Amino acid sequence: MKVTKLISICDLKDCPTIYATDRGTLLVQGETPPDHGLRIPAHETLVEIPVELIRKAIADGLV
């Protein structure tokens, strides 16, 4: 899979980031919230990202 960085809210490696893939999908990098209380299937996960990341992606015309 080819992954392209679309948007991040900082210049470091370990920051919330949105990536595009050559499959026509998005990958989201963020923190795994330990206290969400949801039932998530074993093959899925949740990540938490700041709303500001989505706002920046929209403002930059990426979504």
Protein backbone atom coordinates (compact mmCIF):
# COMPACT_ATOMS: atom_id res chain seq x y z
CA MET A 1 0.00 0.00 0.00
CA LYS A 2 1.29 3.46 -0.89
CA VAL A 3 0.68 6.03 1.87
CA THR A 4 0.86 9.81 1.41
CA LYS A 5 0.80 12.29 4.30
CA LEU A 6 -2.06 14.75 3.78
CA ILE A 7 -2.17 16.89 6.91
CA SER A 8 -0.71 17.10 10.38
CA ILE A 9 -0.89 19.70 13.11
CA CYS A 10 2.80 19.59 13.99
CA ASP A 11 6.16 18.84 12.39
CA LEU A 12 7.10 15.95 14.69
CA LYS A 13 6.69 12.24 13.90
CA ASP A 14 4.30 11.40 16.74
CA CYS A 15 1.45 13.79 15.98
CA PRO A 16 -2.16 13.36 14.88
CA THR A 17 -1.98 12.97 11.10
CA ILE A 18 -4.23 12.02 8.20
CA TYR A 19 -2.79 9.98 5.33
CA ALA A 20 -4.24 8.98 1.95
CA THR A 21 -3.66 5.53 0.48
CA ASP A 22 -3.55 4.32 -3.10
CA ARG A 23 -6.64 2.25 -2.22
CA GLY A 24 -8.80 5.37 -2.02
CA THR A 25 -8.91 5.24 1.78
CA LEU A 26 -7.62 7.37 4.65
CA LEU A 27 -5.40 6.37 7.57
CA VAL A 28 -5.62 8.34 10.79
CA GLN A 29 -2.79 8.55 13.31
CA GLY A 30 -3.78 9.51 16.83
CA GLU A 31 -3.87 8.28 20.40
CA THR A 32 -5.79 5.20 21.47
CA PRO A 33 -8.22 6.34 24.17
CA PRO A 34 -8.18 3.89 27.10
CA ASP A 35 -11.53 4.86 28.59
CA HIS A 36 -13.96 4.97 25.67
CA GLY A 37 -16.34 2.30 27.03
CA LEU A 38 -17.26 1.07 23.54
CA ARG A 39 -17.33 -2.50 22.25
CA ILE A 40 -14.95 -2.56 19.29
CA PRO A 41 -14.30 -5.73 17.25
CA ALA A 42 -10.80 -7.19 17.64
CA HIS A 43 -9.91 -6.33 14.02
CA GLU A 44 -10.72 -2.62 14.52
CA THR A 45 -9.43 0.15 16.76
CA LEU A 46 -10.28 3.69 17.78
CA VAL A 47 -7.98 6.67 17.58
CA GLU A 48 -8.57 10.08 19.05
CA ILE A 49 -7.59 13.18 17.07
CA PRO A 50 -8.08 16.88 17.73
CA VAL A 51 -10.94 18.59 15.88
CA GLU A 52 -8.32 21.09 14.74
CA LEU A 53 -6.79 18.40 12.47
CA ILE A 54 -10.10 18.04 10.58
CA ARG A 55 -10.57 21.84 10.44
CA LYS A 56 -7.09 22.23 8.96
CA ALA A 57 -7.73 19.47 6.39
CA ILE A 58 -10.95 21.20 5.29
CA ALA A 59 -9.33 24.65 5.20
CA ASP A 60 -6.51 23.22 3.05
CA GLY A 61 -9.06 21.65 0.67
CA LEU A 62 -7.99 18.08 1.43
CA VAL A 63 -11.44 16.73 2.32
